Amino acid sequence: MKKLLLTLAFSAATLAAPLTQAATYTVDHQGAHASVNFKIKHLGYSWLVGRFNTFEGTFEYDAAAPEKSAINVTIDTTSIDSNHAERDKHLRGSDFLDTGKFPQASFKSTGFKTTGEGTGIITGDFTLHGVTKSISFPVTRIGEGSDPWGGYRAGFEGSTTLTLKDYGIDYNLGPASTQVEIDLYIEGVRQ
Protein backbone atom coordinates (compact mmCIF):
# COMPACT_ATOMS: atom_id res chain seq x y z
CA MET A 1 0.00 0.00 0.00
CA LYS A 2 2.87 2.39 0.87
CA LYS A 3 4.49 1.63 -2.45
CA LEU A 4 1.24 2.39 -4.30
CA LEU A 5 0.80 5.70 -2.44
CA LEU A 6 4.41 6.71 -3.15
CA THR A 7 3.98 5.84 -6.84
CA LEU A 8 0.74 7.87 -7.05
CA ALA A 9 2.35 10.81 -5.23
CA PHE A 10 5.38 10.73 -7.56
CA SER A 11 3.12 10.51 -10.63
CA ALA A 12 1.00 13.43 -9.45
CA ALA A 13 4.12 15.53 -8.77
CA THR A 14 5.54 14.69 -12.20
CA LEU A 15 2.30 15.61 -13.97
CA ALA A 16 1.96 18.86 -12.02
CA ALA A 17 5.57 19.98 -12.66
CA PRO A 18 4.97 21.41 -16.16
CA LEU A 19 2.09 23.52 -14.80
CA THR A 20 4.54 25.54 -12.70
CA GLN A 21 6.67 26.52 -15.70
CA ALA A 22 5.95 29.45 -17.94
CA ALA A 23 4.19 28.43 -21.14
CA THR A 24 5.55 29.41 -24.55
CA TYR A 25 3.25 31.40 -26.85
CA THR A 26 3.76 32.18 -30.52
CA VAL A 27 2.66 35.67 -31.55
CA ASP A 28 -0.39 35.40 -33.81
CA HIS A 29 0.77 37.87 -36.46
CA GLN A 30 -0.76 35.88 -39.34
CA GLY A 31 -4.33 36.22 -38.16
CA ALA A 32 -4.17 40.00 -37.66
CA HIS A 33 -4.49 39.52 -33.90
CA ALA A 34 -1.29 41.37 -33.13
CA SER A 35 0.18 44.63 -34.35
CA VAL A 36 3.17 46.92 -34.03
CA ASN A 37 1.98 50.49 -34.57
CA PHE A 38 3.71 53.85 -34.44
CA LYS A 39 2.80 57.50 -34.45
CA ILE A 40 4.87 60.65 -34.74
CA LYS A 41 3.78 64.27 -34.72
CA HIS A 42 3.54 65.92 -38.11
CA LEU A 43 4.82 69.51 -37.75
CA GLY A 44 3.25 69.58 -34.29
CA TYR A 45 -0.22 69.91 -35.84
CA SER A 46 -1.35 66.33 -36.15
CA TRP A 47 -0.20 62.70 -35.97
CA LEU A 48 1.29 60.53 -38.69
CA VAL A 49 0.16 57.00 -37.86
CA GLY A 50 1.50 53.76 -39.30
CA ARG A 51 2.46 50.18 -38.61
CA PHE A 52 4.88 47.42 -39.43
CA ASN A 53 3.02 44.74 -41.34
CA THR A 54 5.52 41.89 -40.89
CA PHE A 55 6.90 40.70 -37.56
CA GLU A 56 7.17 37.52 -35.54
CA GLY A 57 7.95 36.48 -32.02
CA THR A 58 7.37 34.35 -28.99
CA PHE A 59 6.75 35.01 -25.33
CA GLU A 60 6.85 33.09 -22.08
CA TYR A 61 4.04 33.66 -19.61
CA ASP A 62 2.69 32.09 -16.44
CA ALA A 63 -0.02 33.98 -14.51
CA ALA A 64 1.17 32.34 -11.28
CA ALA A 65 4.74 33.58 -11.80
CA PRO A 66 4.59 36.71 -14.00
CA GLU A 67 8.13 37.69 -12.99
CA LYS A 68 9.33 34.86 -15.25
CA SER A 69 7.69 36.44 -18.30
CA ALA A 70 9.85 37.08 -21.36
CA ILE A 71 9.34 38.16 -24.96
CA ASN A 72 11.38 38.11 -28.15
CA VAL A 73 10.07 39.97 -31.23
CA THR A 74 11.66 40.62 -34.63
CA ILE A 75 10.22 43.32 -36.91
CA ASP A 76 10.75 43.49 -40.67
CA THR A 77 11.46 47.22 -41.08
CA THR A 78 10.89 46.98 -44.84
CA SER A 79 7.22 46.32 -44.04
CA ILE A 80 6.65 49.86 -42.74
CA ASP A 81 3.23 51.10 -43.82
CA SER A 82 2.07 54.70 -43.29
CA ASN A 83 -0.67 54.41 -45.93
CA HIS A 84 1.34 56.49 -48.42
CA ALA A 85 3.67 54.69 -50.86
CA GLU A 86 6.06 57.61 -51.54
CA ARG A 87 6.43 58.41 -47.86
CA ASP A 88 7.05 54.73 -47.08
CA LYS A 89 9.79 54.67 -49.72
CA HIS A 90 11.41 57.67 -48.00
CA LEU A 91 11.05 56.05 -44.55
CA ARG A 92 12.81 52.91 -45.86
CA GLY A 93 15.67 55.04 -47.22
CA SER A 94 18.90 56.27 -45.66
CA ASP A 95 17.27 59.35 -44.07
CA PHE A 96 15.32 57.11 -41.71
CA LEU A 97 15.30 53.31 -41.33
CA ASP A 98 17.89 52.54 -44.04
CA THR A 99 16.30 49.11 -44.53
CA GLY A 100 18.94 48.10 -47.09
CA LYS A 101 21.47 48.01 -44.23
CA PHE A 102 19.10 47.38 -41.33
CA PRO A 103 16.20 45.21 -42.51
CA GLN A 104 15.17 44.23 -38.98
CA ALA A 105 14.45 45.73 -35.60
CA SER A 106 14.15 43.55 -32.53
CA PHE A 107 13.26 43.48 -28.87
CA LYS A 108 14.50 40.81 -26.46
CA SER A 109 13.44 41.13 -22.86
CA THR A 110 15.91 40.89 -20.00
CA GLY A 111 13.52 41.26 -17.07
CA PHE A 112 9.95 41.78 -15.92
CA LYS A 113 8.68 43.46 -12.76
CA THR A 114 5.06 43.08 -11.65
CA THR A 115 3.35 46.35 -10.71
CA GLY A 116 -0.17 45.05 -10.09
CA GLU A 117 -2.76 42.53 -11.19
CA GLY A 118 -2.01 41.93 -14.87
CA THR A 119 0.42 44.85 -15.16
CA GLY A 120 4.16 45.23 -15.11
CA ILE A 121 7.29 46.84 -16.48
CA ILE A 122 9.25 44.91 -19.07
CA THR A 123 12.91 45.68 -19.69
CA GLY A 124 14.96 44.53 -22.63
CA ASP A 125 17.32 45.26 -25.47
CA PHE A 126 15.74 47.09 -28.40
CA THR A 127 17.69 47.24 -31.65
CA LEU A 128 16.76 49.72 -34.38
CA HIS A 129 18.88 51.13 -37.20
CA GLY A 130 21.86 49.09 -36.00
CA VAL A 131 21.77 50.59 -32.49
CA THR A 132 20.88 48.55 -29.40
CA LYS A 133 19.66 50.21 -26.20
CA SER A 134 18.08 48.92 -23.02
CA ILE A 135 14.52 50.20 -22.65
CA SER A 136 11.71 49.64 -20.14
CA PHE A 137 8.01 50.19 -20.65
CA PRO A 138 4.68 49.28 -19.02
CA VAL A 139 2.63 46.33 -20.24
CA THR A 140 -0.90 45.21 -19.40
CA ARG A 141 -2.45 41.78 -19.79
CA ILE A 142 -5.65 42.21 -21.77
CA GLY A 143 -6.89 38.68 -21.19
CA GLU A 144 -6.31 34.98 -21.62
CA GLY A 145 -8.31 31.82 -22.15
CA SER A 146 -9.44 29.10 -24.52
CA ASP A 147 -10.20 29.98 -28.12
CA PRO A 148 -12.92 28.47 -30.37
CA TRP A 149 -10.36 26.27 -32.17
CA GLY A 150 -9.17 24.28 -29.16
CA GLY A 151 -6.16 26.45 -28.39
CA TYR A 152 -5.28 28.76 -25.52
CA ARG A 153 -4.40 32.43 -26.01
CA ALA A 154 -3.07 35.35 -24.00
CA GLY A 155 -2.97 38.99 -25.04
CA PHE A 156 -0.97 42.01 -23.88
CA GLU A 157 -0.49 45.65 -24.79
CA GLY A 158 2.38 48.01 -24.19
CA SER A 159 3.59 51.43 -25.26
CA THR A 160 6.89 53.24 -25.28
CA THR A 161 8.35 56.44 -26.69
CA LEU A 162 11.69 56.44 -28.51
CA THR A 163 13.92 59.41 -29.31
CA LEU A 164 14.98 58.99 -32.93
CA LYS A 165 18.48 60.46 -32.41
CA ASP A 166 19.19 57.73 -29.83
CA TYR A 167 19.07 55.26 -32.72
CA GLY A 168 21.12 57.30 -35.19
CA ILE A 169 18.07 58.67 -37.03
CA ASP A 170 18.67 62.42 -37.13
CA TYR A 171 16.74 63.61 -40.17
CA ASN A 172 15.29 67.01 -39.24
CA LEU A 173 11.51 66.78 -39.06
CA GLY A 174 11.25 69.82 -36.80
CA PRO A 175 11.26 70.13 -33.01
CA ALA A 176 7.83 68.54 -32.57
CA SER A 177 8.87 65.32 -34.32
CA THR A 178 11.97 64.10 -32.50
CA GLN A 179 10.22 61.17 -30.83
CA VAL A 180 8.08 58.30 -32.06
CA GLU A 181 5.49 56.46 -30.00
CA ILE A 182 5.33 52.68 -30.41
CA ASP A 183 2.19 50.72 -29.48
CA LEU A 184 2.31 46.93 -29.25
CA TYR A 185 -0.75 44.71 -29.23
CA ILE A 186 0.40 41.12 -28.85
CA GLU A 187 -1.82 38.04 -28.87
CA GLY A 188 -0.13 34.69 -28.62
CA VAL A 189 -1.19 31.06 -29.02
CA ARG A 190 0.13 28.68 -26.38
CA GLN A 191 2.33 25.94 -27.82
C-alpha atoms as a PDB file:
ATOM      1  CA  MET A   1       0.000   0.000   0.000  1.00  0.00           C
ATOM      2  CA  LYS A   2       2.866   2.390   0.871  1.00  0.00           C
ATOM      3  CA  LYS A   3       4.490   1.632  -2.448  1.00  0.00           C
ATOM      4  CA  LEU A   4       1.243   2.391  -4.300  1.00  0.00           C
ATOM      5  CA  LEU A   5       0.800   5.702  -2.439  1.00  0.00           C
ATOM      6  CA  LEU A   6       4.409   6.709  -3.151  1.00  0.00           C
ATOM      7  CA  THR A   7       3.982   5.843  -6.840  1.00  0.00           C
ATOM      8  CA  LEU A   8       0.743   7.867  -7.054  1.00  0.00           C
ATOM      9  CA  ALA A   9       2.348  10.812  -5.233  1.00  0.00           C
ATOM     10  CA  PHE A  10       5.376  10.733  -7.555  1.00  0.00           C
ATOM     11  CA  SER A  11       3.125  10.505 -10.627  1.00  0.00           C
ATOM     12  CA  ALA A  12       1.005  13.434  -9.453  1.00  0.00           C
ATOM     13  CA  ALA A  13       4.118  15.534  -8.769  1.00  0.00           C
ATOM     14  CA  THR A  14       5.535  14.694 -12.202  1.00  0.00           C
ATOM     15  CA  LEU A  15       2.297  15.615 -13.968  1.00  0.00           C
ATOM     16  CA  ALA A  16       1.961  18.865 -12.022  1.00  0.00           C
ATOM     17  CA  ALA A  17       5.566  19.976 -12.655  1.00  0.00           C
ATOM     18  CA  PRO A  18       4.965  21.412 -16.160  1.00  0.00           C
ATOM     19  CA  LEU A  19       2.090  23.515 -14.800  1.00  0.00           C
ATOM     20  CA  THR A  20       4.537  25.542 -12.697  1.00  0.00           C
ATOM     21  CA  GLN A  21       6.674  26.517 -15.703  1.00  0.00           C
ATOM     22  CA  ALA A  22       5.947  29.453 -17.945  1.00  0.00           C
ATOM     23  CA  ALA A  23       4.189  28.427 -21.137  1.00  0.00           C
ATOM     24  CA  THR A  24       5.555  29.415 -24.550  1.00  0.00           C
ATOM     25  CA  TYR A  25       3.251  31.399 -26.848  1.00  0.00           C
ATOM     26  CA  THR A  26       3.762  32.182 -30.524  1.00  0.00           C
ATOM     27  CA  VAL A  27       2.663  35.672 -31.548  1.00  0.00           C
ATOM     28  CA  ASP A  28      -0.394  35.399 -33.811  1.00  0.00           C
ATOM     29  CA  HIS A  29       0.775  37.870 -36.457  1.00  0.00           C
ATOM     30  CA  GLN A  30      -0.758  35.877 -39.342  1.00  0.00           C
ATOM     31  CA  GLY A  31      -4.334  36.223 -38.161  1.00  0.00           C
ATOM     32  CA  ALA A  32      -4.173  39.999 -37.659  1.00  0.00           C
ATOM     33  CA  HIS A  33      -4.489  39.521 -33.899  1.00  0.00           C
ATOM     34  CA  ALA A  34      -1.287  41.369 -33.128  1.00  0.00           C
ATOM     35  CA  SER A  35       0.178  44.631 -34.349  1.00  0.00           C
ATOM     36  CA  VAL A  36       3.171  46.921 -34.027  1.00  0.00           C
ATOM     37  CA  ASN A  37       1.978  50.489 -34.575  1.00  0.00           C
ATOM     38  CA  PHE A  38       3.707  53.852 -34.437  1.00  0.00           C
ATOM     39  CA  LYS A  39       2.801  57.499 -34.449  1.00  0.00           C
ATOM     40  CA  ILE A  40       4.868  60.648 -34.742  1.00  0.00           C
ATOM     41  CA  LYS A  41       3.782  64.268 -34.725  1.00  0.00           C
ATOM     42  CA  HIS A  42       3.538  65.921 -38.111  1.00  0.00           C
ATOM     43  CA  LEU A  43       4.823  69.506 -37.754  1.00  0.00           C
ATOM     44  CA  GLY A  44       3.245  69.582 -34.292  1.00  0.00           C
ATOM     45  CA  TYR A  45      -0.224  69.914 -35.845  1.00  0.00           C
ATOM     46  CA  SER A  46      -1.353  66.327 -36.148  1.00  0.00           C
ATOM     47  CA  TRP A  47      -0.198  62.695 -35.972  1.00  0.00           C
ATOM     48  CA  LEU A  48       1.285  60.534 -38.694  1.00  0.00           C
ATOM     49  CA  VAL A  49       0.158  56.998 -37.856  1.00  0.00           C
ATOM     50  CA  GLY A  50       1.505  53.761 -39.298  1.00  0.00           C
ATOM     51  CA  ARG A  51       2.458  50.182 -38.609  1.00  0.00           C
ATOM     52  CA  PHE A  52       4.884  47.422 -39.434  1.00  0.00           C
ATOM     53  CA  ASN A  53       3.019  44.743 -41.343  1.00  0.00           C
ATOM     54  CA  THR A  54       5.520  41.893 -40.886  1.00  0.00           C
ATOM     55  CA  PHE A  55       6.897  40.704 -37.562  1.00  0.00           C
ATOM     56  CA  GLU A  56       7.172  37.520 -35.537  1.00  0.00           C
ATOM     57  CA  GLY A  57       7.950  36.484 -32.020  1.00  0.00           C
ATOM     58  CA  THR A  58       7.369  34.349 -28.986  1.00  0.00           C
ATOM     59  CA  PHE A  59       6.749  35.014 -25.326  1.00  0.00           C
ATOM     60  CA  GLU A  60       6.853  33.088 -22.077  1.00  0.00           C
ATOM     61  CA  TYR A  61       4.038  33.664 -19.613  1.00  0.00           C
ATOM     62  CA  ASP A  62       2.686  32.088 -16.438  1.00  0.00           C
ATOM     63  CA  ALA A  63      -0.023  33.977 -14.513  1.00  0.00           C
ATOM     64  CA  ALA A  64       1.173  32.339 -11.275  1.00  0.00           C
ATOM     65  CA  ALA A  65       4.740  33.582 -11.800  1.00  0.00           C
ATOM     66  CA  PRO A  66       4.594  36.713 -13.999  1.00  0.00           C
ATOM     67  CA  GLU A  67       8.129  37.691 -12.991  1.00  0.00           C
ATOM     68  CA  LYS A  68       9.331  34.857 -15.249  1.00  0.00           C
ATOM     69  CA  SER A  69       7.695  36.445 -18.298  1.00  0.00           C
ATOM     70  CA  ALA A  70       9.846  37.078 -21.361  1.00  0.00           C
ATOM     71  CA  ILE A  71       9.336  38.159 -24.963  1.00  0.00           C
ATOM     72  CA  ASN A  72      11.385  38.107 -28.148  1.00  0.00           C
ATOM     73  CA  VAL A  73      10.071  39.972 -31.232  1.00  0.00           C
ATOM     74  CA  THR A  74      11.659  40.625 -34.634  1.00  0.00           C
ATOM     75  CA  ILE A  75      10.216  43.323 -36.910  1.00  0.00           C
ATOM     76  CA  ASP A  76      10.752  43.487 -40.668  1.00  0.00           C
ATOM     77  CA  THR A  77      11.461  47.218 -41.081  1.00  0.00           C
ATOM     78  CA  THR A  78      10.888  46.975 -44.843  1.00  0.00           C
ATOM     79  CA  SER A  79       7.219  46.319 -44.039  1.00  0.00           C
ATOM     80  CA  ILE A  80       6.652  49.864 -42.736  1.00  0.00           C
ATOM     81  CA  ASP A  81       3.230  51.105 -43.822  1.00  0.00           C
ATOM     82  CA  SER A  82       2.071  54.701 -43.293  1.00  0.00           C
ATOM     83  CA  ASN A  83      -0.666  54.410 -45.934  1.00  0.00           C
ATOM     84  CA  HIS A  84       1.343  56.490 -48.421  1.00  0.00           C
ATOM     85  CA  ALA A  85       3.674  54.689 -50.864  1.00  0.00           C
ATOM     86  CA  GLU A  86       6.058  57.610 -51.543  1.00  0.00           C
ATOM     87  CA  ARG A  87       6.429  58.414 -47.865  1.00  0.00           C
ATOM     88  CA  ASP A  88       7.052  54.725 -47.076  1.00  0.00           C
ATOM     89  CA  LYS A  89       9.791  54.670 -49.715  1.00  0.00           C
ATOM     90  CA  HIS A  90      11.411  57.669 -47.996  1.00  0.00           C
ATOM     91  CA  LEU A  91      11.047  56.047 -44.548  1.00  0.00           C
ATOM     92  CA  ARG A  92      12.814  52.907 -45.859  1.00  0.00           C
ATOM     93  CA  GLY A  93      15.675  55.040 -47.219  1.00  0.00           C
ATOM     94  CA  SER A  94      18.905  56.267 -45.664  1.00  0.00           C
ATOM     95  CA  ASP A  95      17.268  59.347 -44.074  1.00  0.00           C
ATOM     96  CA  PHE A  96      15.321  57.109 -41.706  1.00  0.00           C
ATOM     97  CA  LEU A  97      15.302  53.311 -41.326  1.00  0.00           C
ATOM     98  CA  ASP A  98      17.894  52.540 -44.041  1.00  0.00           C
ATOM     99  CA  THR A  99      16.302  49.115 -44.527  1.00  0.00           C
ATOM    100  CA  GLY A 100      18.943  48.104 -47.086  1.00  0.00           C
ATOM    101  CA  LYS A 101      21.473  48.012 -44.231  1.00  0.00           C
ATOM    102  CA  PHE A 102      19.103  47.375 -41.329  1.00  0.00           C
ATOM    103  CA  PRO A 103      16.197  45.210 -42.514  1.00  0.00           C
ATOM    104  CA  GLN A 104      15.166  44.233 -38.979  1.00  0.00           C
ATOM    105  CA  ALA A 105      14.448  45.732 -35.598  1.00  0.00           C
ATOM    106  CA  SER A 106      14.153  43.550 -32.530  1.00  0.00           C
ATOM    107  CA  PHE A 107      13.257  43.477 -28.867  1.00  0.00           C
ATOM    108  CA  LYS A 108      14.500  40.806 -26.459  1.00  0.00           C
ATOM    109  CA  SER A 109      13.439  41.128 -22.857  1.00  0.00           C
ATOM    110  CA  THR A 110      15.915  40.891 -20.002  1.00  0.00           C
ATOM    111  CA  GLY A 111      13.517  41.260 -17.075  1.00  0.00           C
ATOM    112  CA  PHE A 112       9.951  41.779 -15.916  1.00  0.00           C
ATOM    113  CA  LYS A 113       8.677  43.461 -12.756  1.00  0.00           C
ATOM    114  CA  THR A 114       5.059  43.076 -11.649  1.00  0.00           C
ATOM    115  CA  THR A 115       3.352  46.351 -10.715  1.00  0.00           C
ATOM    116  CA  GLY A 116      -0.170  45.054 -10.085  1.00  0.00           C
ATOM    117  CA  GLU A 117      -2.758  42.531 -11.190  1.00  0.00           C
ATOM    118  CA  GLY A 118      -2.006  41.929 -14.873  1.00  0.00           C
ATOM    119  CA  THR A 119       0.423  44.850 -15.159  1.00  0.00           C
ATOM    120  CA  GLY A 120       4.163  45.228 -15.106  1.00  0.00           C
ATOM    121  CA  ILE A 121       7.291  46.845 -16.482  1.00  0.00           C
ATOM    122  CA  ILE A 122       9.249  44.909 -19.072  1.00  0.00           C
ATOM    123  CA  THR A 123      12.913  45.678 -19.687  1.00  0.00           C
ATOM    124  CA  GLY A 124      14.956  44.530 -22.629  1.00  0.00           C
ATOM    125  CA  ASP A 125      17.317  45.258 -25.472  1.00  0.00           C
ATOM    126  CA  PHE A 126      15.740  47.085 -28.395  1.00  0.00           C
ATOM    127  CA  THR A 127      17.690  47.235 -31.650  1.00  0.00           C
ATOM    128  CA  LEU A 128      16.758  49.721 -34.377  1.00  0.00           C
ATOM    129  CA  HIS A 129      18.880  51.132 -37.203  1.00  0.00           C
ATOM    130  CA  GLY A 130      21.855  49.087 -35.998  1.00  0.00           C
ATOM    131  CA  VAL A 131      21.768  50.589 -32.489  1.00  0.00           C
ATOM    132  CA  THR A 132      20.878  48.549 -29.395  1.00  0.00           C
ATOM    133  CA  LYS A 133      19.663  50.211 -26.201  1.00  0.00           C
ATOM    134  CA  SER A 134      18.083  48.921 -23.017  1.00  0.00           C
ATOM    135  CA  ILE A 135      14.525  50.201 -22.646  1.00  0.00           C
ATOM    136  CA  SER A 136      11.711  49.645 -20.139  1.00  0.00           C
ATOM    137  CA  PHE A 137       8.006  50.187 -20.649  1.00  0.00           C
ATOM    138  CA  PRO A 138       4.679  49.277 -19.016  1.00  0.00           C
ATOM    139  CA  VAL A 139       2.632  46.326 -20.244  1.00  0.00           C
ATOM    140  CA  THR A 140      -0.896  45.206 -19.395  1.00  0.00           C
ATOM    141  CA  ARG A 141      -2.454  41.784 -19.786  1.00  0.00           C
ATOM    142  CA  ILE A 142      -5.651  42.210 -21.771  1.00  0.00           C
ATOM    143  CA  GLY A 143      -6.893  38.676 -21.187  1.00  0.00           C
ATOM    144  CA  GLU A 144      -6.306  34.976 -21.616  1.00  0.00           C
ATOM    145  CA  GLY A 145      -8.315  31.822 -22.152  1.00  0.00           C
ATOM    146  CA  SER A 146      -9.441  29.102 -24.519  1.00  0.00           C
ATOM    147  CA  ASP A 147     -10.201  29.984 -28.120  1.00  0.00           C
ATOM    148  CA  PRO A 148     -12.922  28.468 -30.369  1.00  0.00           C
ATOM    149  CA  TRP A 149     -10.365  26.270 -32.172  1.00  0.00           C
ATOM    150  CA  GLY A 150      -9.174  24.282 -29.164  1.00  0.00           C
ATOM    151  CA  GLY A 151      -6.159  26.452 -28.390  1.00  0.00           C
ATOM    152  CA  TYR A 152      -5.285  28.757 -25.525  1.00  0.00           C
ATOM    153  CA  ARG A 153      -4.403  32.433 -26.012  1.00  0.00           C
ATOM    154  CA  ALA A 154      -3.069  35.354 -24.004  1.00  0.00           C
ATOM    155  CA  GLY A 155      -2.969  38.992 -25.041  1.00  0.00           C
ATOM    156  CA  PHE A 156      -0.973  42.010 -23.880  1.00  0.00           C
ATOM    157  CA  GLU A 157      -0.492  45.646 -24.792  1.00  0.00           C
ATOM    158  CA  GLY A 158       2.379  48.011 -24.189  1.00  0.00           C
ATOM    159  CA  SER A 159       3.592  51.433 -25.262  1.00  0.00           C
ATOM    160  CA  THR A 160       6.889  53.236 -25.285  1.00  0.00           C
ATOM    161  CA  THR A 161       8.347  56.439 -26.690  1.00  0.00           C
ATOM    162  CA  LEU A 162      11.687  56.441 -28.508  1.00  0.00           C
ATOM    163  CA  THR A 163      13.916  59.407 -29.310  1.00  0.00           C
ATOM    164  CA  LEU A 164      14.983  58.985 -32.934  1.00  0.00           C
ATOM    165  CA  LYS A 165      18.480  60.461 -32.415  1.00  0.00           C
ATOM    166  CA  ASP A 166      19.187  57.734 -29.834  1.00  0.00           C
ATOM    167  CA  TYR A 167      19.073  55.263 -32.724  1.00  0.00           C
ATOM    168  CA  GLY A 168      21.119  57.300 -35.188  1.00  0.00           C
ATOM    169  CA  ILE A 169      18.074  58.672 -37.034  1.00  0.00           C
ATOM    170  CA  ASP A 170      18.671  62.422 -37.127  1.00  0.00           C
ATOM    171  CA  TYR A 171      16.741  63.607 -40.172  1.00  0.00           C
ATOM    172  CA  ASN A 172      15.293  67.013 -39.237  1.00  0.00           C
ATOM    173  CA  LEU A 173      11.510  66.776 -39.056  1.00  0.00           C
ATOM    174  CA  GLY A 174      11.250  69.823 -36.805  1.00  0.00           C
ATOM    175  CA  PRO A 175      11.265  70.130 -33.011  1.00  0.00           C
ATOM    176  CA  ALA A 176       7.829  68.541 -32.573  1.00  0.00           C
ATOM    177  CA  SER A 177       8.869  65.321 -34.321  1.00  0.00           C
ATOM    178  CA  THR A 178      11.967  64.101 -32.496  1.00  0.00           C
ATOM    179  CA  GLN A 179      10.217  61.172 -30.834  1.00  0.00           C
ATOM    180  CA  VAL A 180       8.077  58.304 -32.058  1.00  0.00           C
ATOM    181  CA  GLU A 181       5.488  56.460 -30.001  1.00  0.00           C
ATOM    182  CA  ILE A 182       5.333  52.680 -30.414  1.00  0.00           C
ATOM    183  CA  ASP A 183       2.193  50.722 -29.480  1.00  0.00           C
ATOM    184  CA  LEU A 184       2.308  46.927 -29.252  1.00  0.00           C
ATOM    185  CA  TYR A 185      -0.750  44.705 -29.235  1.00  0.00           C
ATOM    186  CA  ILE A 186       0.399  41.124 -28.846  1.00  0.00           C
ATOM    187  CA  GLU A 187      -1.823  38.042 -28.867  1.00  0.00           C
ATOM    188  CA  GLY A 188      -0.129  34.689 -28.615  1.00  0.00           C
ATOM    189  CA  VAL A 189      -1.194  31.061 -29.016  1.00  0.00           C
ATOM    190  CA  ARG A 190       0.125  28.681 -26.378  1.00  0.00           C
ATOM    191  CA  GLN A 191       2.329  25.935 -27.816  1.00  0.00           C
END
